[in-house]
């Protein structure tokens, strides 16, 4: 694959700190700058579609995907997204075909995925130790190959959002009315479910299974408090996510703090939410 040296040099120039001379820190920052805005933008639709539980189910499918990869001797880089896509499409198909409530269907898949993952991991103690890394995430271990995959997803997702953002917002308001007005609801729902599944899976590398939903929801919720329109919400969510990613990474490197990067990013994002809630309460419309 082509080298990413030029991008790393630009990041080191823009952030002239001593720790930014270290290659894994440059990769971690670039990874976060790609993952965070993707999660934030998808988070807007997750909030509008009330799909936080869906994202949580996909996040926990990463646990099973890693376990399957380690058991089968296949790189988790392939088994995680493959299994995440399978679960995401399965949930969306079941929601469209079943008369059960959406959260019930998601709950069934959530339970099955977690149980299957635990069953696989329980057969091998070595696998159990390796899988624990994905519970908490570690963006500092990201590789150039991982970044190329994320970069490809980044461009695909934002091209899709460019053409589909307004239609997705319409679906969130009233899918039946959107279909009457010519929106191909099933096509957009399945594409969205697939992209969301991939974003969630890649976000697990950054913040882990336990916090992946927060990476989606908090910037979108904060943006809603600040924004007066869907367009403003889009840009506020991206700005909040990027600032949170940068500050979270840098704060976690301070020796007197020395916290997990993913958790620190989410905490900074949460502070943004508190600020936005105060703004909406006292200064907003």
C-alpha atoms as a PDB file:
ATOM      1  CA  UNK A   1       0.000   0.000   0.000  1.00  0.00           C
ATOM      2  CA  UNK A   2       1.156   3.613  -0.596  1.00  0.00           C
ATOM      3  CA  UNK A   3       2.954   5.354   2.205  1.00  0.00           C
ATOM      4  CA  UNK A   4       1.175   7.817   4.467  1.00  0.00           C
ATOM      5  CA  UNK A   5       4.373   9.672   5.349  1.00  0.00           C
ATOM      6  CA  UNK A   6       3.258  13.003   3.847  1.00  0.00           C
ATOM      7  CA  UNK A   7       0.105  13.049   5.957  1.00  0.00           C
ATOM      8  CA  UNK A   8       2.079  12.163   9.101  1.00  0.00           C
ATOM      9  CA  UNK A   9       4.538  14.966   8.369  1.00  0.00           C
ATOM     10  CA  UNK A  10       1.661  17.436   8.019  1.00  0.00           C
ATOM     11  CA  UNK A  11       0.190  16.335  11.346  1.00  0.00           C
ATOM     12  CA  UNK A  12       3.581  16.641  13.035  1.00  0.00           C
ATOM     13  CA  UNK A  13       3.907  20.154  11.606  1.00  0.00           C
ATOM     14  CA  UNK A  14       0.419  21.222  12.675  1.00  0.00           C
ATOM     15  CA  UNK A  15       0.891  19.811  16.176  1.00  0.00           C
ATOM     16  CA  UNK A  16       4.550  20.504  17.040  1.00  0.00           C
ATOM     17  CA  UNK A  17       4.651  18.519  20.269  1.00  0.00           C
ATOM     18  CA  UNK A  18       7.415  16.130  21.249  1.00  0.00           C
ATOM     19  CA  UNK A  19       5.141  13.108  21.394  1.00  0.00           C
ATOM     20  CA  UNK A  20       3.917  13.785  17.842  1.00  0.00           C
ATOM     21  CA  UNK A  21       7.332  12.785  16.572  1.00  0.00           C
ATOM     22  CA  UNK A  22       6.501   9.194  17.526  1.00  0.00           C
ATOM     23  CA  UNK A  23       5.065   7.208  14.625  1.00  0.00           C
ATOM     24  CA  UNK A  24       2.339   5.389  16.578  1.00  0.00           C
ATOM     25  CA  UNK A  25       1.054   8.720  17.924  1.00  0.00           C
ATOM     26  CA  UNK A  26       0.844  10.078  14.378  1.00  0.00           C
ATOM     27  CA  UNK A  27      -1.111   6.986  13.304  1.00  0.00           C
ATOM     28  CA  UNK A  28      -3.376   7.263  16.346  1.00  0.00           C
ATOM     29  CA  UNK A  29      -4.181  10.924  15.617  1.00  0.00           C
ATOM     30  CA  UNK A  30      -4.892  10.255  11.947  1.00  0.00           C
ATOM     31  CA  UNK A  31      -7.077   7.286  12.876  1.00  0.00           C
ATOM     32  CA  UNK A  32      -9.092   9.397  15.304  1.00  0.00           C
ATOM     33  CA  UNK A  33      -9.423  12.262  12.806  1.00  0.00           C
ATOM     34  CA  UNK A  34     -11.026   9.789  10.391  1.00  0.00           C
ATOM     35  CA  UNK A  35     -13.112   7.727  12.813  1.00  0.00           C
ATOM     36  CA  UNK A  36     -14.508  10.525  15.008  1.00  0.00           C
ATOM     37  CA  UNK A  37     -16.275  12.566  12.274  1.00  0.00           C
ATOM     38  CA  UNK A  38     -17.648   9.394  10.661  1.00  0.00           C
ATOM     39  CA  UNK A  39     -19.094   8.297  13.991  1.00  0.00           C
ATOM     40  CA  UNK A  40     -20.505  11.777  14.624  1.00  0.00           C
ATOM     41  CA  UNK A  41     -22.261  12.023  11.261  1.00  0.00           C
ATOM     42  CA  UNK A  42     -23.712   8.524  11.531  1.00  0.00           C
ATOM     43  CA  UNK A  43     -24.639   9.382  15.114  1.00  0.00           C
ATOM     44  CA  UNK A  44     -26.973  12.120  13.856  1.00  0.00           C
ATOM     45  CA  UNK A  45     -29.045   9.536  12.027  1.00  0.00           C
ATOM     46  CA  UNK A  46     -28.731   7.083  14.918  1.00  0.00           C
ATOM     47  CA  UNK A  47     -30.314   9.729  17.160  1.00  0.00           C
ATOM     48  CA  UNK A  48     -33.008  10.573  14.601  1.00  0.00           C
ATOM     49  CA  UNK A  49     -33.790   6.900  13.883  1.00  0.00           C
ATOM     50  CA  UNK A  50     -33.611   5.989  17.600  1.00  0.00           C
ATOM     51  CA  UNK A  51     -31.032   3.301  16.750  1.00  0.00           C
ATOM     52  CA  UNK A  52     -28.638   3.585  19.706  1.00  0.00           C
ATOM     53  CA  UNK A  53     -29.495   0.017  20.739  1.00  0.00           C
ATOM     54  CA  UNK A  54     -28.768  -1.123  17.158  1.00  0.00           C
ATOM     55  CA  UNK A  55     -25.304   0.455  17.330  1.00  0.00           C
ATOM     56  CA  UNK A  56     -24.730  -1.210  20.689  1.00  0.00           C
ATOM     57  CA  UNK A  57     -25.605  -4.616  19.238  1.00  0.00           C
ATOM     58  CA  UNK A  58     -23.165  -4.097  16.348  1.00  0.00           C
ATOM     59  CA  UNK A  59     -20.472  -2.982  18.793  1.00  0.00           C
ATOM     60  CA  UNK A  60     -20.837  -6.181  20.776  1.00  0.00           C
ATOM     61  CA  UNK A  61     -20.735  -8.199  17.556  1.00  0.00           C
ATOM     62  CA  UNK A  62     -17.130  -7.020  17.247  1.00  0.00           C
ATOM     63  CA  UNK A  63     -16.375  -9.068  20.341  1.00  0.00           C
ATOM     64  CA  UNK A  64     -17.691 -12.190  18.601  1.00  0.00           C
ATOM     65  CA  UNK A  65     -15.984 -11.286  15.317  1.00  0.00           C
ATOM     66  CA  UNK A  66     -12.608 -11.044  17.029  1.00  0.00           C
ATOM     67  CA  UNK A  67     -13.171 -14.321  18.850  1.00  0.00           C
ATOM     68  CA  UNK A  68     -14.081 -16.106  15.614  1.00  0.00           C
ATOM     69  CA  UNK A  69     -11.015 -14.715  13.870  1.00  0.00           C
ATOM     70  CA  UNK A  70      -8.668 -15.833  16.638  1.00  0.00           C
ATOM     71  CA  UNK A  71     -10.246 -19.293  16.801  1.00  0.00           C
ATOM     72  CA  UNK A  72     -10.198 -19.784  13.003  1.00  0.00           C
ATOM     73  CA  UNK A  73      -6.733 -18.298  12.569  1.00  0.00           C
ATOM     74  CA  UNK A  74      -8.081 -15.405  10.443  1.00  0.00           C
ATOM     75  CA  UNK A  75      -7.106 -11.801  11.088  1.00  0.00           C
ATOM     76  CA  UNK A  76      -9.753  -9.956  13.157  1.00  0.00           C
ATOM     77  CA  UNK A  77      -9.347  -7.140  10.607  1.00  0.00           C
ATOM     78  CA  UNK A  78     -11.489  -9.299   8.318  1.00  0.00           C
ATOM     79  CA  UNK A  79     -13.724 -11.206  10.708  1.00  0.00           C
ATOM     80  CA  UNK A  80     -14.815  -8.128  12.704  1.00  0.00           C
ATOM     81  CA  UNK A  81     -16.280  -6.132   9.789  1.00  0.00           C
ATOM     82  CA  UNK A  82     -17.612  -9.263   8.081  1.00  0.00           C
ATOM     83  CA  UNK A  83     -19.497 -10.424  11.166  1.00  0.00           C
ATOM     84  CA  UNK A  84     -20.611  -6.857  11.955  1.00  0.00           C
ATOM     85  CA  UNK A  85     -22.104  -6.505   8.464  1.00  0.00           C
ATOM     86  CA  UNK A  86     -23.822  -9.870   8.818  1.00  0.00           C
ATOM     87  CA  UNK A  87     -25.414  -8.857  12.117  1.00  0.00           C
ATOM     88  CA  UNK A  88     -26.381  -5.380  10.852  1.00  0.00           C
ATOM     89  CA  UNK A  89     -28.067  -6.672   7.693  1.00  0.00           C
ATOM     90  CA  UNK A  90     -29.753  -9.472   9.653  1.00  0.00           C
ATOM     91  CA  UNK A  91     -31.258  -7.013  12.127  1.00  0.00           C
ATOM     92  CA  UNK A  92     -32.457  -4.682   9.370  1.00  0.00           C
ATOM     93  CA  UNK A  93     -33.995  -7.570   7.398  1.00  0.00           C
ATOM     94  CA  UNK A  94     -35.731  -8.908  10.493  1.00  0.00           C
ATOM     95  CA  UNK A  95     -37.107  -5.478  11.378  1.00  0.00           C
ATOM     96  CA  UNK A  96     -38.653  -5.140   7.935  1.00  0.00           C
ATOM     97  CA  UNK A  97     -40.153  -8.646   7.928  1.00  0.00           C
ATOM     98  CA  UNK A  98     -41.294  -9.032  11.544  1.00  0.00           C
ATOM     99  CA  UNK A  99     -44.289  -7.584  13.366  1.00  0.00           C
ATOM    100  CA  UNK A 100     -42.279  -7.378  16.595  1.00  0.00           C
ATOM    101  CA  UNK A 101     -41.088  -4.009  17.907  1.00  0.00           C
ATOM    102  CA  UNK A 102     -37.676  -2.927  16.615  1.00  0.00           C
ATOM    103  CA  UNK A 103     -36.066  -2.844  20.061  1.00  0.00           C
ATOM    104  CA  UNK A 104     -37.302  -6.396  20.694  1.00  0.00           C
ATOM    105  CA  UNK A 105     -35.658  -7.675  17.516  1.00  0.00           C
ATOM    106  CA  UNK A 106     -32.431  -5.854  18.321  1.00  0.00           C
ATOM    107  CA  UNK A 107     -32.532  -7.253  21.853  1.00  0.00           C
ATOM    108  CA  UNK A 108     -32.841 -10.793  20.494  1.00  0.00           C
ATOM    109  CA  UNK A 109     -29.846 -10.342  18.181  1.00  0.00           C
ATOM    110  CA  UNK A 110     -27.883  -8.516  20.885  1.00  0.00           C
ATOM    111  CA  UNK A 111     -28.380 -11.422  23.288  1.00  0.00           C
ATOM    112  CA  UNK A 112     -27.556 -14.038  20.681  1.00  0.00           C
ATOM    113  CA  UNK A 113     -24.393 -12.278  19.512  1.00  0.00           C
ATOM    114  CA  UNK A 114     -23.049 -11.785  23.046  1.00  0.00           C
ATOM    115  CA  UNK A 115     -23.904 -15.350  24.071  1.00  0.00           C
ATOM    116  CA  UNK A 116     -22.238 -16.742  20.954  1.00  0.00           C
ATOM    117  CA  UNK A 117     -19.126 -14.647  21.601  1.00  0.00           C
ATOM    118  CA  UNK A 118     -18.881 -15.801  25.203  1.00  0.00           C
ATOM    119  CA  UNK A 119     -19.370 -19.428  24.134  1.00  0.00           C
ATOM    120  CA  UNK A 120     -16.555 -19.147  21.582  1.00  0.00           C
ATOM    121  CA  UNK A 121     -14.195 -17.364  23.977  1.00  0.00           C
ATOM    122  CA  UNK A 122     -14.895 -19.774  26.859  1.00  0.00           C
ATOM    123  CA  UNK A 123     -13.405 -22.621  24.835  1.00  0.00           C
ATOM    124  CA  UNK A 124      -9.961 -21.021  24.794  1.00  0.00           C
ATOM    125  CA  UNK A 125      -8.416 -19.006  27.651  1.00  0.00           C
ATOM    126  CA  UNK A 126      -5.728 -17.525  25.363  1.00  0.00           C
ATOM    127  CA  UNK A 127      -8.424 -16.085  23.099  1.00  0.00           C
ATOM    128  CA  UNK A 128     -10.192 -14.630  26.143  1.00  0.00           C
ATOM    129  CA  UNK A 129      -7.074 -12.635  27.058  1.00  0.00           C
ATOM    130  CA  UNK A 130      -6.678 -11.312  23.513  1.00  0.00           C
ATOM    131  CA  UNK A 131     -10.332 -10.330  23.207  1.00  0.00           C
ATOM    132  CA  UNK A 132     -10.160  -8.165  26.342  1.00  0.00           C
ATOM    133  CA  UNK A 133      -8.174  -5.580  24.374  1.00  0.00           C
ATOM    134  CA  UNK A 134     -11.215  -4.908  22.220  1.00  0.00           C
ATOM    135  CA  UNK A 135     -13.425  -4.288  25.249  1.00  0.00           C
ATOM    136  CA  UNK A 136     -11.493  -1.096  26.020  1.00  0.00           C
ATOM    137  CA  UNK A 137      -9.979  -0.277  22.627  1.00  0.00           C
ATOM    138  CA  UNK A 138      -6.461   0.933  21.887  1.00  0.00           C
ATOM    139  CA  UNK A 139      -6.082   3.419  19.057  1.00  0.00           C
ATOM    140  CA  UNK A 140      -2.324   3.494  19.710  1.00  0.00           C
ATOM    141  CA  UNK A 141      -1.991   0.035  18.132  1.00  0.00           C
ATOM    142  CA  UNK A 142      -3.586   1.026  14.820  1.00  0.00           C
ATOM    143  CA  UNK A 143      -1.538   0.199  11.713  1.00  0.00           C
ATOM    144  CA  UNK A 144      -1.122   1.821   8.319  1.00  0.00           C
ATOM    145  CA  UNK A 145      -3.184  -0.982   6.780  1.00  0.00           C
ATOM    146  CA  UNK A 146      -6.012  -0.247   9.228  1.00  0.00           C
ATOM    147  CA  UNK A 147      -5.869   3.434   8.319  1.00  0.00           C
ATOM    148  CA  UNK A 148      -6.172   2.672   4.612  1.00  0.00           C
ATOM    149  CA  UNK A 149      -9.319   0.645   5.280  1.00  0.00           C
ATOM    150  CA  UNK A 150     -10.713   3.484   7.413  1.00  0.00           C
ATOM    151  CA  UNK A 151      -9.744   6.068   4.785  1.00  0.00           C
ATOM    152  CA  UNK A 152     -11.627   4.106   2.118  1.00  0.00           C
ATOM    153  CA  UNK A 153     -14.688   3.874   4.369  1.00  0.00           C
ATOM    154  CA  UNK A 154     -14.376   7.614   5.120  1.00  0.00           C
ATOM    155  CA  UNK A 155     -14.692   8.586   1.456  1.00  0.00           C
ATOM    156  CA  UNK A 156     -17.480   6.094   0.743  1.00  0.00           C
ATOM    157  CA  UNK A 157     -19.469   7.273   3.754  1.00  0.00           C
ATOM    158  CA  UNK A 158     -19.196  10.983   3.019  1.00  0.00           C
ATOM    159  CA  UNK A 159     -20.063  10.470  -0.655  1.00  0.00           C
ATOM    160  CA  UNK A 160     -23.158   8.595   0.508  1.00  0.00           C
ATOM    161  CA  UNK A 161     -23.989  11.314   3.044  1.00  0.00           C
ATOM    162  CA  UNK A 162     -23.570  14.012   0.381  1.00  0.00           C
ATOM    163  CA  UNK A 163     -26.309  12.453  -1.738  1.00  0.00           C
ATOM    164  CA  UNK A 164     -28.452  10.900   0.992  1.00  0.00           C
ATOM    165  CA  UNK A 165     -28.287  13.166   4.061  1.00  0.00           C
ATOM    166  CA  UNK A 166     -31.602  14.956   3.462  1.00  0.00           C
ATOM    167  CA  UNK A 167     -33.332  11.712   2.482  1.00  0.00           C
ATOM    168  CA  UNK A 168     -32.083  10.033   5.647  1.00  0.00           C
ATOM    169  CA  UNK A 169     -33.384  12.927   7.721  1.00  0.00           C
ATOM    170  CA  UNK A 170     -36.723  12.507   5.931  1.00  0.00           C
ATOM    171  CA  UNK A 171     -36.742   8.798   6.768  1.00  0.00           C
ATOM    172  CA  UNK A 172     -36.105   9.642  10.391  1.00  0.00           C
ATOM    173  CA  UNK A 173     -39.174  11.887  10.448  1.00  0.00           C
ATOM    174  CA  UNK A 174     -41.596   9.607   8.598  1.00  0.00           C
ATOM    175  CA  UNK A 175     -40.477   6.627   6.508  1.00  0.00           C
ATOM    176  CA  UNK A 176     -43.970   6.021   5.100  1.00  0.00           C
ATOM    177  CA  UNK A 177     -44.283   9.592   3.868  1.00  0.00           C
ATOM    178  CA  UNK A 178     -40.749   9.454   2.466  1.00  0.00           C
ATOM    179  CA  UNK A 179     -41.661   6.349   0.458  1.00  0.00           C
ATOM    180  CA  UNK A 180     -44.780   8.059  -0.900  1.00  0.00           C
ATOM    181  CA  UNK A 181     -42.544  10.877  -2.161  1.00  0.00           C
ATOM    182  CA  UNK A 182     -40.322   8.484  -4.085  1.00  0.00           C
ATOM    183  CA  UNK A 183     -37.540   7.756  -1.576  1.00  0.00           C
ATOM    184  CA  UNK A 184     -36.366   4.147  -1.907  1.00  0.00           C
ATOM    185  CA  UNK A 185     -36.685   3.443   1.793  1.00  0.00           C
ATOM    186  CA  UNK A 186     -35.403  -0.149   1.841  1.00  0.00           C
ATOM    187  CA  UNK A 187     -32.310   0.730  -0.241  1.00  0.00           C
ATOM    188  CA  UNK A 188     -31.344   3.621   2.013  1.00  0.00           C
ATOM    189  CA  UNK A 189     -32.052   1.636   5.162  1.00  0.00           C
ATOM    190  CA  UNK A 190     -29.812  -1.270   4.129  1.00  0.00           C
ATOM    191  CA  UNK A 191     -26.989   0.972   2.895  1.00  0.00           C
ATOM    192  CA  UNK A 192     -27.196   2.974   6.105  1.00  0.00           C
ATOM    193  CA  UNK A 193     -27.206  -0.201   8.228  1.00  0.00           C
ATOM    194  CA  UNK A 194     -24.137  -1.513   6.380  1.00  0.00           C
ATOM    195  CA  UNK A 195     -22.170   1.723   6.719  1.00  0.00           C
ATOM    196  CA  UNK A 196     -23.178   2.121  10.348  1.00  0.00           C
ATOM    197  CA  UNK A 197     -22.037  -1.433  11.063  1.00  0.00           C
ATOM    198  CA  UNK A 198     -18.619  -0.745   9.541  1.00  0.00           C
ATOM    199  CA  UNK A 199     -18.229   2.588  11.346  1.00  0.00           C
ATOM    200  CA  UNK A 200     -19.090   0.953  14.657  1.00  0.00           C
ATOM    201  CA  UNK A 201     -16.664  -1.916  14.062  1.00  0.00           C
ATOM    202  CA  UNK A 202     -13.781   0.408  13.191  1.00  0.00           C
ATOM    203  CA  UNK A 203     -14.674   2.665  16.125  1.00  0.00           C
ATOM    204  CA  UNK A 204     -14.154  -0.302  18.437  1.00  0.00           C
ATOM    205  CA  UNK A 205     -10.428   0.025  17.724  1.00  0.00           C
ATOM    206  CA  UNK A 206     -10.526   3.584  19.031  1.00  0.00           C
ATOM    207  CA  UNK A 207     -12.694   3.358  22.143  1.00  0.00           C
ATOM    208  CA  UNK A 208     -13.589  -0.304  22.607  1.00  0.00           C
ATOM    209  CA  UNK A 209     -16.889  -2.166  22.747  1.00  0.00           C
ATOM    210  CA  UNK A 210     -17.941  -0.545  26.011  1.00  0.00           C
ATOM    211  CA  UNK A 211     -17.773   3.049  24.729  1.00  0.00           C
ATOM    212  CA  UNK A 212     -18.445   2.756  21.011  1.00  0.00           C
ATOM    213  CA  UNK A 213     -22.073   3.881  21.293  1.00  0.00           C
ATOM    214  CA  UNK A 214     -20.942   6.998  23.187  1.00  0.00           C
ATOM    215  CA  UNK A 215     -18.669   7.952  20.292  1.00  0.00           C
ATOM    216  CA  UNK A 216     -21.738   7.978  18.047  1.00  0.00           C
ATOM    217  CA  UNK A 217     -24.353   9.490  20.326  1.00  0.00           C
ATOM    218  CA  UNK A 218     -22.664  12.220  22.373  1.00  0.00           C
ATOM    219  CA  UNK A 219     -21.410  14.503  19.530  1.00  0.00           C
ATOM    220  CA  UNK A 220     -24.789  14.216  17.789  1.00  0.00           C
ATOM    221  CA  UNK A 221     -26.686  14.977  20.996  1.00  0.00           C
ATOM    222  CA  UNK A 222     -24.413  17.951  21.703  1.00  0.00           C
ATOM    223  CA  UNK A 223     -24.860  19.217  18.153  1.00  0.00           C
ATOM    224  CA  UNK A 224     -28.626  19.042  18.482  1.00  0.00           C
ATOM    225  CA  UNK A 225     -28.441  21.336  21.525  1.00  0.00           C
ATOM    226  CA  UNK A 226     -26.355  23.892  19.633  1.00  0.00           C
ATOM    227  CA  UNK A 227     -27.990  23.734  16.196  1.00  0.00           C
ATOM    228  CA  UNK A 228     -31.046  25.427  14.759  1.00  0.00           C
ATOM    229  CA  UNK A 229     -31.214  23.262  11.624  1.00  0.00           C
ATOM    230  CA  UNK A 230     -30.182  19.837  10.350  1.00  0.00           C
ATOM    231  CA  UNK A 231     -27.344  21.424   8.358  1.00  0.00           C
ATOM    232  CA  UNK A 232     -25.949  23.119  11.446  1.00  0.00           C
ATOM    233  CA  UNK A 233     -26.305  19.876  13.370  1.00  0.00           C
ATOM    234  CA  UNK A 234     -24.149  18.116  10.757  1.00  0.00           C
ATOM    235  CA  UNK A 235     -21.278  20.592  11.088  1.00  0.00           C
ATOM    236  CA  UNK A 236     -21.504  21.007  14.855  1.00  0.00           C
ATOM    237  CA  UNK A 237     -21.314  17.218  15.282  1.00  0.00           C
ATOM    238  CA  UNK A 238     -18.196  17.015  13.105  1.00  0.00           C
ATOM    239  CA  UNK A 239     -16.467  19.911  14.882  1.00  0.00           C
ATOM    240  CA  UNK A 240     -17.266  18.539  18.341  1.00  0.00           C
ATOM    241  CA  UNK A 241     -16.055  15.072  17.391  1.00  0.00           C
ATOM    242  CA  UNK A 242     -12.764  16.302  15.916  1.00  0.00           C
ATOM    243  CA  UNK A 243     -11.991  18.631  18.829  1.00  0.00           C
ATOM    244  CA  UNK A 244     -12.842  15.846  21.291  1.00  0.00           C
ATOM    245  CA  UNK A 245     -10.604  13.393  19.436  1.00  0.00           C
ATOM    246  CA  UNK A 246      -7.610  15.746  19.381  1.00  0.00           C
ATOM    247  CA  UNK A 247      -7.965  16.920  22.980  1.00  0.00           C
ATOM    248  CA  UNK A 248      -8.705  13.407  24.227  1.00  0.00           C
ATOM    249  CA  UNK A 249      -5.579  11.983  22.604  1.00  0.00           C
ATOM    250  CA  UNK A 250      -3.344  14.820  23.809  1.00  0.00           C
ATOM    251  CA  UNK A 251      -4.736  14.833  27.370  1.00  0.00           C
ATOM    252  CA  UNK A 252      -4.247  11.079  27.663  1.00  0.00           C
ATOM    253  CA  UNK A 253      -0.526  11.506  26.909  1.00  0.00           C
ATOM    254  CA  UNK A 254       0.080  13.839  29.878  1.00  0.00           C
ATOM    255  CA  UNK A 255       2.155  11.851  32.343  1.00  0.00           C
ATOM    256  CA  UNK A 256       0.208  13.045  35.378  1.00  0.00           C
ATOM    257  CA  UNK A 257      -3.052  11.913  33.769  1.00  0.00           C
ATOM    258  CA  UNK A 258      -2.064   8.849  31.697  1.00  0.00           C
ATOM    259  CA  UNK A 259      -5.606   7.633  30.988  1.00  0.00           C
ATOM    260  CA  UNK A 260      -6.932   5.365  28.238  1.00  0.00           C
ATOM    261  CA  UNK A 261      -7.185   7.341  25.004  1.00  0.00           C
ATOM    262  CA  UNK A 262     -10.655   6.131  24.039  1.00  0.00           C
ATOM    263  CA  UNK A 263     -12.135   6.882  27.449  1.00  0.00           C
ATOM    264  CA  UNK A 264     -10.522  10.329  27.487  1.00  0.00           C
ATOM    265  CA  UNK A 265     -11.946  11.165  24.048  1.00  0.00           C
ATOM    266  CA  UNK A 266     -15.435  10.220  25.239  1.00  0.00           C
ATOM    267  CA  UNK A 267     -15.017  12.235  28.456  1.00  0.00           C
ATOM    268  CA  UNK A 268     -14.042  15.349  26.491  1.00  0.00           C
ATOM    269  CA  UNK A 269     -17.040  14.760  24.256  1.00  0.00           C
ATOM    270  CA  UNK A 270     -19.237  14.449  27.357  1.00  0.00           C
ATOM    271  CA  UNK A 271     -17.975  17.819  28.598  1.00  0.00           C
ATOM    272  CA  UNK A 272     -19.098  19.252  25.261  1.00  0.00           C
ATOM    273  CA  UNK A 273     -22.531  17.785  25.914  1.00  0.00           C
ATOM    274  CA  UNK A 274     -22.724  19.426  29.346  1.00  0.00           C
ATOM    275  CA  UNK A 275     -21.782  22.770  27.787  1.00  0.00           C
ATOM    276  CA  UNK A 276     -24.357  22.301  25.022  1.00  0.00           C
ATOM    277  CA  UNK A 277     -27.071  21.377  27.527  1.00  0.00           C
ATOM    278  CA  UNK A 278     -26.367  24.543  29.530  1.00  0.00           C
ATOM    279  CA  UNK A 279     -26.417  26.564  26.309  1.00  0.00           C
ATOM    280  CA  UNK A 280     -29.746  25.044  25.234  1.00  0.00           C
ATOM    281  CA  UNK A 281     -31.248  25.631  28.698  1.00  0.00           C
ATOM    282  CA  UNK A 282     -30.217  29.229  29.208  1.00  0.00           C
ATOM    283  CA  UNK A 283     -29.187  30.697  25.853  1.00  0.00           C
ATOM    284  CA  UNK A 284     -30.871  28.617  23.165  1.00  0.00           C
ATOM    285  CA  UNK A 285     -34.231  29.129  21.551  1.00  0.00           C
END
